Amino acid sequence: MPAESQVEERIAATPLSLYRLVSDVTRMGEWSPETDSCRWLAGADGPEIGASFKGSNRRGWRRWSTTCTVVAADPGRCFAFDVHLARLPISRWTYDFEPDGDGCRVSESWTDRRPGWMVRLAPVVTGVRDQESHNRAGMRTTLARLRAAAERVASGPTDG
């Protein structure tokens, strides 16, 4: 069974507004502690199933890029993408949005899709011994940054 992690955050914003922030992958570097930037590939310019984007990432001195393919794009409900390194499956990242009173409950989940040999070799290459815990901490940071940005936008400009 593949490794999985999930983190949830309640955010004072609508599911659709949060979906729009997360599914604009060109902004992923604003939320994620490891992603520097993302850009759409092959003429794609937004979230639709089958669209691909390149993610540029960093952890300390380590740098790498991946190709991602959107596998779910349901506005206000779910955005998900599969990550590949060359042709190897790496992971699936999923964002689910559920109305919660005057806000939204957002869950971010990660599913490890790496082959067994890669899982065993990864700590040497990546410097991360416990990928699940590492990703859970990163997801907490991601959702906290998303909450701060969304609630700042939701509060609107102030007079002063």
N, C-alpha and C. Protein backbone atom coordinates (compact mmCIF):
# COMPACT_ATOMS: atom_id res chain seq x y z
N MET A 1 0.85 -1.19 0.00
CA MET A 1 0.00 0.00 0.00
C MET A 1 0.89 1.24 0.00
N PRO A 2 0.61 2.22 -0.88
CA PRO A 2 1.46 3.41 -0.95
C PRO A 2 1.33 4.28 0.29
N ALA A 3 2.42 4.98 0.60
CA ALA A 3 2.41 5.92 1.73
C ALA A 3 1.53 7.11 1.37
N GLU A 4 0.85 7.63 2.38
CA GLU A 4 -0.02 8.79 2.19
C GLU A 4 0.07 9.71 3.40
N SER A 5 -0.14 10.98 3.16
CA SER A 5 -0.25 11.97 4.23
C SER A 5 -1.34 12.95 3.85
N GLN A 6 -2.00 13.49 4.87
CA GLN A 6 -3.05 14.48 4.62
C GLN A 6 -3.05 15.50 5.74
N VAL A 7 -3.28 16.75 5.37
CA VAL A 7 -3.39 17.85 6.32
C VAL A 7 -4.63 18.64 5.95
N GLU A 8 -5.33 19.15 6.96
CA GLU A 8 -6.57 19.90 6.71
C GLU A 8 -6.48 21.26 7.42
N GLU A 9 -7.09 22.25 6.81
CA GLU A 9 -7.09 23.61 7.36
C GLU A 9 -8.44 24.25 7.06
N ARG A 10 -8.99 24.95 8.04
CA ARG A 10 -10.21 25.72 7.79
C ARG A 10 -9.79 27.13 7.41
N ILE A 11 -10.33 27.63 6.30
CA ILE A 11 -9.95 28.94 5.78
C ILE A 11 -11.21 29.77 5.56
N ALA A 12 -11.16 31.02 5.96
CA ALA A 12 -12.31 31.92 5.80
C ALA A 12 -12.34 32.47 4.37
N ALA A 13 -12.69 31.59 3.45
CA ALA A 13 -12.82 31.95 2.03
C ALA A 13 -13.72 30.91 1.38
N THR A 14 -14.21 31.21 0.19
CA THR A 14 -15.10 30.26 -0.49
C THR A 14 -14.30 29.13 -1.13
N PRO A 15 -14.92 27.96 -1.28
CA PRO A 15 -14.24 26.87 -1.96
C PRO A 15 -13.76 27.26 -3.36
N LEU A 16 -14.56 28.03 -4.10
CA LEU A 16 -14.17 28.41 -5.45
C LEU A 16 -12.96 29.34 -5.44
N SER A 17 -12.93 30.29 -4.52
CA SER A 17 -11.77 31.21 -4.48
C SER A 17 -10.50 30.45 -4.11
N LEU A 18 -10.60 29.49 -3.21
CA LEU A 18 -9.43 28.70 -2.83
C LEU A 18 -8.99 27.78 -3.98
N TYR A 19 -9.97 27.19 -4.65
CA TYR A 19 -9.65 26.36 -5.82
C TYR A 19 -8.88 27.19 -6.85
N ARG A 20 -9.35 28.41 -7.10
CA ARG A 20 -8.69 29.26 -8.09
C ARG A 20 -7.25 29.57 -7.70
N LEU A 21 -7.00 29.80 -6.42
CA LEU A 21 -5.62 30.05 -5.97
C LEU A 21 -4.74 28.82 -6.18
N VAL A 22 -5.20 27.67 -5.71
CA VAL A 22 -4.40 26.45 -5.77
C VAL A 22 -4.21 25.96 -7.21
N SER A 23 -5.23 26.05 -8.02
CA SER A 23 -5.15 25.52 -9.38
C SER A 23 -4.39 26.44 -10.33
N ASP A 24 -4.07 27.64 -9.88
CA ASP A 24 -3.18 28.52 -10.65
C ASP A 24 -1.76 28.12 -10.27
N VAL A 25 -1.27 27.06 -10.92
CA VAL A 25 0.02 26.48 -10.52
C VAL A 25 1.18 27.46 -10.64
N THR A 26 1.00 28.51 -11.43
CA THR A 26 2.07 29.51 -11.55
C THR A 26 2.30 30.23 -10.23
N ARG A 27 1.37 30.09 -9.28
CA ARG A 27 1.51 30.71 -7.95
C ARG A 27 1.95 29.72 -6.87
N MET A 28 2.17 28.46 -7.24
CA MET A 28 2.49 27.43 -6.25
C MET A 28 3.71 27.79 -5.40
N GLY A 29 4.65 28.50 -5.96
CA GLY A 29 5.83 28.92 -5.19
C GLY A 29 5.50 29.85 -4.04
N GLU A 30 4.33 30.49 -4.08
CA GLU A 30 3.90 31.35 -2.98
C GLU A 30 3.45 30.53 -1.76
N TRP A 31 2.98 29.31 -2.01
CA TRP A 31 2.43 28.50 -0.92
C TRP A 31 3.41 27.43 -0.44
N SER A 32 4.01 26.72 -1.37
CA SER A 32 4.82 25.55 -1.03
C SER A 32 6.22 25.93 -0.54
N PRO A 33 6.70 25.27 0.52
CA PRO A 33 8.06 25.55 1.00
C PRO A 33 9.15 24.93 0.11
N GLU A 34 8.79 24.03 -0.81
CA GLU A 34 9.80 23.41 -1.69
C GLU A 34 9.69 23.84 -3.14
N THR A 35 8.56 24.31 -3.57
CA THR A 35 8.38 24.69 -4.97
C THR A 35 8.83 26.13 -5.18
N ASP A 36 9.75 26.32 -6.12
CA ASP A 36 10.17 27.67 -6.50
C ASP A 36 9.19 28.27 -7.49
N SER A 37 8.84 27.47 -8.52
CA SER A 37 7.95 27.98 -9.56
C SER A 37 7.35 26.82 -10.35
N CYS A 38 6.27 27.13 -11.04
CA CYS A 38 5.64 26.18 -11.97
C CYS A 38 5.25 26.95 -13.22
N ARG A 39 5.27 26.24 -14.33
CA ARG A 39 4.82 26.85 -15.57
C ARG A 39 4.10 25.80 -16.40
N TRP A 40 3.04 26.24 -17.06
CA TRP A 40 2.26 25.35 -17.91
C TRP A 40 3.10 24.94 -19.12
N LEU A 41 2.86 23.74 -19.62
CA LEU A 41 3.59 23.20 -20.77
C LEU A 41 2.66 22.95 -21.96
N ALA A 42 3.24 22.86 -23.12
CA ALA A 42 2.56 22.43 -24.35
C ALA A 42 1.27 23.21 -24.63
N GLY A 43 1.31 24.52 -24.43
CA GLY A 43 0.17 25.35 -24.76
C GLY A 43 -0.91 25.40 -23.70
N ALA A 44 -0.77 24.63 -22.63
CA ALA A 44 -1.77 24.70 -21.55
C ALA A 44 -1.64 26.05 -20.86
N ASP A 45 -2.76 26.59 -20.41
CA ASP A 45 -2.70 27.87 -19.71
C ASP A 45 -3.61 27.89 -18.49
N GLY A 46 -4.07 26.72 -18.09
CA GLY A 46 -4.92 26.65 -16.92
C GLY A 46 -5.26 25.22 -16.57
N PRO A 47 -5.96 25.06 -15.46
CA PRO A 47 -6.24 23.72 -14.94
C PRO A 47 -7.34 22.99 -15.70
N GLU A 48 -6.94 21.99 -16.43
CA GLU A 48 -7.91 21.08 -17.04
C GLU A 48 -7.27 19.70 -17.07
N ILE A 49 -8.08 18.69 -16.99
CA ILE A 49 -7.56 17.33 -16.96
C ILE A 49 -6.70 17.08 -18.19
N GLY A 50 -5.50 16.55 -17.95
CA GLY A 50 -4.55 16.26 -19.01
C GLY A 50 -3.53 17.36 -19.24
N ALA A 51 -3.78 18.56 -18.73
CA ALA A 51 -2.80 19.65 -18.89
C ALA A 51 -1.55 19.32 -18.07
N SER A 52 -0.40 19.72 -18.62
CA SER A 52 0.87 19.44 -17.95
C SER A 52 1.56 20.74 -17.55
N PHE A 53 2.35 20.65 -16.49
CA PHE A 53 3.18 21.78 -16.07
C PHE A 53 4.49 21.27 -15.50
N LYS A 54 5.47 22.13 -15.51
CA LYS A 54 6.78 21.81 -14.97
C LYS A 54 6.92 22.52 -13.63
N GLY A 55 7.36 21.76 -12.62
CA GLY A 55 7.61 22.34 -11.30
C GLY A 55 9.10 22.38 -11.05
N SER A 56 9.60 23.53 -10.63
CA SER A 56 11.00 23.68 -10.23
C SER A 56 11.03 23.77 -8.71
N ASN A 57 11.84 22.91 -8.10
CA ASN A 57 11.81 22.74 -6.65
C ASN A 57 13.20 22.87 -6.05
N ARG A 58 13.22 23.10 -4.72
CA ARG A 58 14.49 23.18 -4.01
C ARG A 58 14.29 22.78 -2.56
N ARG A 59 15.33 22.18 -2.02
CA ARG A 59 15.40 21.85 -0.60
C ARG A 59 16.86 22.04 -0.22
N GLY A 60 17.15 23.14 0.46
CA GLY A 60 18.55 23.45 0.77
C GLY A 60 19.31 23.66 -0.52
N TRP A 61 20.44 22.96 -0.66
CA TRP A 61 21.25 23.08 -1.87
C TRP A 61 20.75 22.20 -3.01
N ARG A 62 19.79 21.31 -2.71
CA ARG A 62 19.29 20.40 -3.74
C ARG A 62 18.26 21.12 -4.62
N ARG A 63 18.35 20.90 -5.92
CA ARG A 63 17.42 21.47 -6.90
C ARG A 63 16.98 20.36 -7.84
N TRP A 64 15.70 20.38 -8.22
CA TRP A 64 15.20 19.41 -9.17
C TRP A 64 13.93 19.94 -9.82
N SER A 65 13.58 19.32 -10.94
CA SER A 65 12.32 19.69 -11.58
C SER A 65 11.55 18.42 -11.92
N THR A 66 10.25 18.57 -12.00
CA THR A 66 9.36 17.45 -12.30
C THR A 66 8.34 17.90 -13.33
N THR A 67 7.73 16.92 -13.96
CA THR A 67 6.61 17.19 -14.85
C THR A 67 5.36 16.69 -14.16
N CYS A 68 4.33 17.50 -14.18
CA CYS A 68 3.08 17.18 -13.50
C CYS A 68 1.93 17.18 -14.50
N THR A 69 0.97 16.32 -14.28
CA THR A 69 -0.21 16.24 -15.15
C THR A 69 -1.46 16.36 -14.29
N VAL A 70 -2.34 17.26 -14.66
CA VAL A 70 -3.59 17.46 -13.93
C VAL A 70 -4.49 16.24 -14.14
N VAL A 71 -4.95 15.67 -13.02
CA VAL A 71 -5.83 14.50 -13.07
C VAL A 71 -7.22 14.79 -12.52
N ALA A 72 -7.39 15.93 -11.86
CA ALA A 72 -8.72 16.35 -11.39
C ALA A 72 -8.76 17.88 -11.41
N ALA A 73 -9.81 18.42 -11.99
CA ALA A 73 -9.98 19.87 -12.07
C ALA A 73 -11.48 20.17 -11.98
N ASP A 74 -12.00 20.10 -10.77
CA ASP A 74 -13.42 20.31 -10.52
C ASP A 74 -13.55 21.59 -9.68
N PRO A 75 -13.78 22.74 -10.33
CA PRO A 75 -13.77 24.03 -9.64
C PRO A 75 -14.59 24.04 -8.34
N GLY A 76 -13.93 24.49 -7.29
CA GLY A 76 -14.57 24.59 -5.99
C GLY A 76 -14.65 23.29 -5.23
N ARG A 77 -14.18 22.19 -5.84
CA ARG A 77 -14.28 20.88 -5.18
C ARG A 77 -12.94 20.16 -5.07
N CYS A 78 -12.22 20.03 -6.19
CA CYS A 78 -11.00 19.22 -6.16
C CYS A 78 -10.04 19.63 -7.27
N PHE A 79 -8.76 19.69 -6.91
CA PHE A 79 -7.68 19.88 -7.89
C PHE A 79 -6.60 18.87 -7.52
N ALA A 80 -6.16 18.08 -8.51
CA ALA A 80 -5.14 17.07 -8.24
C ALA A 80 -4.23 16.93 -9.45
N PHE A 81 -2.97 16.55 -9.15
CA PHE A 81 -2.02 16.32 -10.23
C PHE A 81 -1.05 15.20 -9.85
N ASP A 82 -0.63 14.48 -10.88
CA ASP A 82 0.39 13.44 -10.73
C ASP A 82 1.74 14.04 -11.07
N VAL A 83 2.74 13.63 -10.31
CA VAL A 83 4.11 14.11 -10.50
C VAL A 83 4.95 12.97 -11.07
N HIS A 84 5.75 13.31 -12.09
CA HIS A 84 6.67 12.35 -12.70
C HIS A 84 8.06 12.95 -12.75
N LEU A 85 9.05 12.11 -12.61
CA LEU A 85 10.45 12.48 -12.81
C LEU A 85 10.91 11.62 -13.97
N ALA A 86 11.19 12.26 -15.09
CA ALA A 86 11.39 11.54 -16.35
C ALA A 86 10.09 10.77 -16.60
N ARG A 87 10.14 9.46 -16.69
CA ARG A 87 8.90 8.70 -16.90
C ARG A 87 8.46 7.95 -15.64
N LEU A 88 9.15 8.20 -14.54
CA LEU A 88 8.83 7.49 -13.31
C LEU A 88 7.73 8.21 -12.52
N PRO A 89 6.72 7.46 -12.08
CA PRO A 89 5.70 8.07 -11.24
C PRO A 89 6.30 8.38 -9.87
N ILE A 90 6.02 9.57 -9.36
CA ILE A 90 6.56 9.99 -8.08
C ILE A 90 5.46 10.11 -7.02
N SER A 91 4.42 10.88 -7.33
CA SER A 91 3.39 11.14 -6.33
C SER A 91 2.13 11.68 -6.97
N ARG A 92 1.10 11.76 -6.14
CA ARG A 92 -0.12 12.47 -6.51
C ARG A 92 -0.41 13.46 -5.37
N TRP A 93 -0.67 14.70 -5.75
CA TRP A 93 -1.04 15.75 -4.81
C TRP A 93 -2.49 16.11 -5.09
N THR A 94 -3.30 16.16 -4.02
CA THR A 94 -4.73 16.43 -4.16
C THR A 94 -5.15 17.51 -3.17
N TYR A 95 -5.95 18.44 -3.65
CA TYR A 95 -6.54 19.48 -2.83
C TYR A 95 -8.06 19.33 -2.93
N ASP A 96 -8.71 19.09 -1.79
CA ASP A 96 -10.16 18.98 -1.74
C ASP A 96 -10.71 20.17 -0.97
N PHE A 97 -11.83 20.70 -1.44
CA PHE A 97 -12.45 21.89 -0.86
C PHE A 97 -13.88 21.55 -0.47
N GLU A 98 -14.23 21.85 0.79
CA GLU A 98 -15.57 21.56 1.27
C GLU A 98 -16.09 22.77 2.05
N PRO A 99 -17.29 23.27 1.68
CA PRO A 99 -17.85 24.40 2.42
C PRO A 99 -17.94 24.07 3.90
N ASP A 100 -17.68 25.07 4.74
CA ASP A 100 -17.73 24.89 6.18
C ASP A 100 -18.19 26.21 6.81
N GLY A 101 -19.49 26.34 6.99
CA GLY A 101 -20.04 27.58 7.55
C GLY A 101 -19.75 28.74 6.61
N ASP A 102 -19.08 29.78 7.13
CA ASP A 102 -18.76 30.94 6.29
C ASP A 102 -17.37 30.82 5.67
N GLY A 103 -16.85 29.62 5.65
CA GLY A 103 -15.52 29.39 5.07
C GLY A 103 -15.45 28.06 4.34
N CYS A 104 -14.29 27.46 4.40
CA CYS A 104 -14.04 26.25 3.64
C CYS A 104 -13.03 25.39 4.39
N ARG A 105 -13.24 24.11 4.33
CA ARG A 105 -12.25 23.16 4.86
C ARG A 105 -11.45 22.65 3.66
N VAL A 106 -10.15 22.90 3.68
CA VAL A 106 -9.26 22.49 2.60
C VAL A 106 -8.41 21.33 3.11
N SER A 107 -8.34 20.27 2.34
CA SER A 107 -7.41 19.20 2.69
C SER A 107 -6.43 19.04 1.54
N GLU A 108 -5.18 18.91 1.92
CA GLU A 108 -4.11 18.64 0.96
C GLU A 108 -3.59 17.25 1.27
N SER A 109 -3.49 16.41 0.26
CA SER A 109 -2.99 15.07 0.49
C SER A 109 -1.92 14.71 -0.53
N TRP A 110 -1.05 13.84 -0.09
CA TRP A 110 0.07 13.35 -0.90
C TRP A 110 0.02 11.83 -0.88
N THR A 111 0.14 11.23 -2.05
CA THR A 111 0.23 9.78 -2.18
C THR A 111 1.53 9.46 -2.88
N ASP A 112 2.34 8.63 -2.25
CA ASP A 112 3.63 8.21 -2.81
C ASP A 112 3.37 7.19 -3.90
N ARG A 113 3.89 7.44 -5.09
CA ARG A 113 3.71 6.53 -6.23
C ARG A 113 5.04 6.00 -6.73
N ARG A 114 6.12 6.23 -5.97
CA ARG A 114 7.45 5.81 -6.41
C ARG A 114 7.59 4.29 -6.35
N PRO A 115 8.38 3.74 -7.28
CA PRO A 115 8.68 2.30 -7.19
C PRO A 115 9.50 2.03 -5.92
N GLY A 116 9.41 0.81 -5.41
CA GLY A 116 10.09 0.44 -4.17
C GLY A 116 11.57 0.75 -4.14
N TRP A 117 12.27 0.48 -5.25
CA TRP A 117 13.71 0.73 -5.27
C TRP A 117 14.01 2.22 -5.08
N MET A 118 13.13 3.07 -5.62
CA MET A 118 13.34 4.51 -5.50
C MET A 118 13.08 4.97 -4.06
N VAL A 119 12.09 4.38 -3.41
CA VAL A 119 11.80 4.71 -2.02
C VAL A 119 13.01 4.39 -1.15
N ARG A 120 13.65 3.23 -1.40
CA ARG A 120 14.81 2.83 -0.61
C ARG A 120 16.02 3.72 -0.87
N LEU A 121 16.18 4.20 -2.09
CA LEU A 121 17.32 5.03 -2.46
C LEU A 121 17.12 6.51 -2.11
N ALA A 122 15.89 6.93 -2.01
CA ALA A 122 15.55 8.35 -1.84
C ALA A 122 16.25 9.05 -0.67
N PRO A 123 16.35 8.46 0.52
CA PRO A 123 17.00 9.19 1.63
C PRO A 123 18.43 9.62 1.31
N VAL A 124 19.15 8.81 0.55
CA VAL A 124 20.52 9.15 0.18
C VAL A 124 20.53 10.33 -0.79
N VAL A 125 19.62 10.32 -1.73
CA VAL A 125 19.56 11.35 -2.77
C VAL A 125 18.92 12.63 -2.26
N THR A 126 17.82 12.51 -1.53
CA THR A 126 17.04 13.69 -1.13
C THR A 126 17.42 14.25 0.23
N GLY A 127 18.04 13.42 1.07
CA GLY A 127 18.35 13.85 2.43
C GLY A 127 17.15 13.77 3.37
N VAL A 128 16.05 13.19 2.90
CA VAL A 128 14.83 13.07 3.72
C VAL A 128 14.65 11.60 4.08
N ARG A 129 14.69 11.30 5.36
CA ARG A 129 14.53 9.92 5.85
C ARG A 129 13.06 9.50 5.94
N ASP A 130 12.21 10.41 6.37
CA ASP A 130 10.80 10.11 6.56
C ASP A 130 9.98 11.03 5.65
N GLN A 131 9.71 10.58 4.44
CA GLN A 131 9.03 11.40 3.45
C GLN A 131 7.63 11.80 3.90
N GLU A 132 6.91 10.90 4.57
CA GLU A 132 5.56 11.21 5.02
C GLU A 132 5.56 12.38 6.00
N SER A 133 6.41 12.32 7.01
CA SER A 133 6.48 13.41 8.00
C SER A 133 6.97 14.70 7.36
N HIS A 134 7.95 14.58 6.49
CA HIS A 134 8.48 15.75 5.79
C HIS A 134 7.37 16.43 4.99
N ASN A 135 6.62 15.65 4.23
CA ASN A 135 5.55 16.22 3.40
C ASN A 135 4.42 16.78 4.26
N ARG A 136 4.11 16.11 5.37
CA ARG A 136 3.05 16.61 6.25
C ARG A 136 3.43 18.01 6.77
N ALA A 137 4.68 18.19 7.17
CA ALA A 137 5.13 19.51 7.64
C ALA A 137 5.05 20.53 6.51
N GLY A 138 5.45 20.14 5.31
CA GLY A 138 5.36 21.04 4.16
C GLY A 138 3.93 21.41 3.83
N MET A 139 3.02 20.45 3.95
CA MET A 139 1.61 20.72 3.68
C MET A 139 1.03 21.68 4.71
N ARG A 140 1.44 21.55 5.96
CA ARG A 140 0.97 22.51 6.98
C ARG A 140 1.40 23.93 6.61
N THR A 141 2.66 24.06 6.18
CA THR A 141 3.16 25.37 5.75
C THR A 141 2.39 25.87 4.54
N THR A 142 2.19 25.01 3.56
CA THR A 142 1.46 25.37 2.35
C THR A 142 0.06 25.90 2.68
N LEU A 143 -0.67 25.16 3.51
CA LEU A 143 -2.04 25.58 3.82
C LEU A 143 -2.07 26.83 4.69
N ALA A 144 -1.10 27.00 5.57
CA ALA A 144 -1.04 28.23 6.37
C ALA A 144 -0.78 29.44 5.47
N ARG A 145 0.10 29.29 4.50
CA ARG A 145 0.37 30.39 3.56
C ARG A 145 -0.83 30.66 2.67
N LEU A 146 -1.49 29.60 2.25
CA LEU A 146 -2.71 29.75 1.44
C LEU A 146 -3.78 30.48 2.25
N ARG A 147 -3.95 30.08 3.52
CA ARG A 147 -4.93 30.74 4.39
C ARG A 147 -4.62 32.22 4.53
N ALA A 148 -3.36 32.56 4.78
CA ALA A 148 -2.98 33.96 4.95
C ALA A 148 -3.30 34.77 3.69
N ALA A 149 -2.97 34.22 2.53
CA ALA A 149 -3.23 34.94 1.28
C ALA A 149 -4.72 35.06 1.01
N ALA A 150 -5.46 33.98 1.20
CA ALA A 150 -6.90 33.98 0.91
C ALA A 150 -7.65 34.91 1.86
N GLU A 151 -7.29 34.89 3.12
CA GLU A 151 -8.00 35.73 4.08
C GLU A 151 -7.62 37.19 3.91
N ARG A 152 -6.42 37.46 3.44
CA ARG A 152 -6.01 38.84 3.15
C ARG A 152 -6.84 39.37 1.98
N VAL A 153 -7.03 38.55 0.95
CA VAL A 153 -7.84 38.94 -0.20
C VAL A 153 -9.31 39.09 0.21
N ALA A 154 -9.79 38.12 1.02
CA ALA A 154 -11.20 38.14 1.43
C ALA A 154 -11.54 39.37 2.28
N SER A 155 -10.55 39.86 3.05
CA SER A 155 -10.84 41.02 3.90
C SER A 155 -10.89 42.30 3.09
N GLY A 156 -10.32 42.26 1.89
CA GLY A 156 -10.38 43.42 0.99
C GLY A 156 -9.50 44.56 1.46
N PRO A 157 -9.46 45.62 0.68
CA PRO A 157 -8.63 46.78 1.06
C PRO A 157 -9.21 47.48 2.27
N THR A 158 -8.31 48.08 3.01
CA THR A 158 -8.76 48.82 4.20
C THR A 158 -8.64 50.31 3.94
N ASP A 159 -9.54 51.05 4.54
CA ASP A 159 -9.46 52.52 4.45
C ASP A 159 -8.54 53.00 5.55
N GLY A 160 -7.76 53.97 5.27
CA GLY A 160 -6.94 54.41 6.36
C GLY A 160 -6.02 55.42 5.96
